[in-house]
Amino acid sequence: MPQLNPAPWFIILVFSWMLLLVILPVKVLTFILPNNPTPQNIQKPKMKAWNWPWY
């Protein structure tokens, strides 16, 4: 490939990066999830102290 003219390959590279960085993220971010995640309980459960019979 070094024998080829780099001008058309550079344009192909630029357009492919434009596709990946501009068009595709917009399409992915407009995707709506069927089930919205619900927040979980943020309170930590109280832990009981261990009873060590040999201590």
Protein backbone atom coordinates (compact mmCIF):
# COMPACT_ATOMS: atom_id res chain seq x y z
CA MET A 1 0.00 0.00 0.00
CA PRO A 2 2.91 2.50 0.25
CA GLN A 3 2.91 2.71 -3.55
CA LEU A 4 -0.61 4.15 -3.59
CA ASN A 5 -1.44 7.82 -3.57
CA PRO A 6 -2.21 8.76 0.10
CA ALA A 7 -4.72 11.48 -0.80
CA PRO A 8 -7.83 9.26 -1.29
CA TRP A 9 -6.91 7.07 1.70
CA PHE A 10 -6.60 10.08 3.93
CA ILE A 11 -10.09 11.27 2.92
CA ILE A 12 -11.47 7.79 3.60
CA LEU A 13 -9.80 7.83 7.03
CA VAL A 14 -11.23 11.27 7.85
CA PHE A 15 -14.75 10.34 6.76
CA SER A 16 -14.69 7.07 8.67
CA TRP A 17 -13.60 8.88 11.84
CA MET A 18 -16.32 11.48 11.29
CA LEU A 19 -18.82 8.67 11.03
CA LEU A 20 -17.57 7.05 14.21
CA LEU A 21 -17.24 10.22 16.27
CA VAL A 22 -20.19 12.32 15.08
CA ILE A 23 -22.98 10.29 13.55
CA LEU A 24 -22.93 7.01 15.46
CA PRO A 25 -22.89 8.47 19.03
CA VAL A 26 -25.94 10.59 18.17
CA LYS A 27 -27.79 7.50 16.99
CA VAL A 28 -26.75 5.49 20.04
CA LEU A 29 -27.69 8.22 22.51
CA THR A 30 -31.18 8.55 21.05
CA PHE A 31 -31.86 4.89 21.80
CA ILE A 32 -34.54 4.58 24.49
CA LEU A 33 -34.23 1.75 26.97
CA PRO A 34 -37.41 -0.32 27.31
CA ASN A 35 -37.01 -0.56 31.09
CA ASN A 36 -35.69 2.46 32.93
CA PRO A 37 -33.42 1.45 35.79
CA THR A 38 -34.85 2.05 39.22
CA PRO A 39 -32.63 3.31 42.05
CA GLN A 40 -31.70 0.71 44.59
CA ASN A 41 -31.93 1.13 48.34
CA ILE A 42 -28.93 3.26 49.25
CA GLN A 43 -29.04 2.51 52.98
CA LYS A 44 -26.52 -0.07 54.09
CA PRO A 45 -27.89 -2.91 56.21
CA LYS A 46 -26.77 -2.84 59.82
CA MET A 47 -24.30 -5.58 60.53
CA LYS A 48 -24.45 -7.53 63.75
CA ALA A 49 -21.32 -8.04 65.80
CA TRP A 50 -19.96 -11.56 65.68
CA ASN A 51 -20.05 -13.58 68.85
CA TRP A 52 -16.71 -15.33 69.20
CA PRO A 53 -17.16 -18.09 71.78
CA TRP A 54 -13.40 -18.77 72.04
CA TYR A 55 -12.35 -15.19 72.68
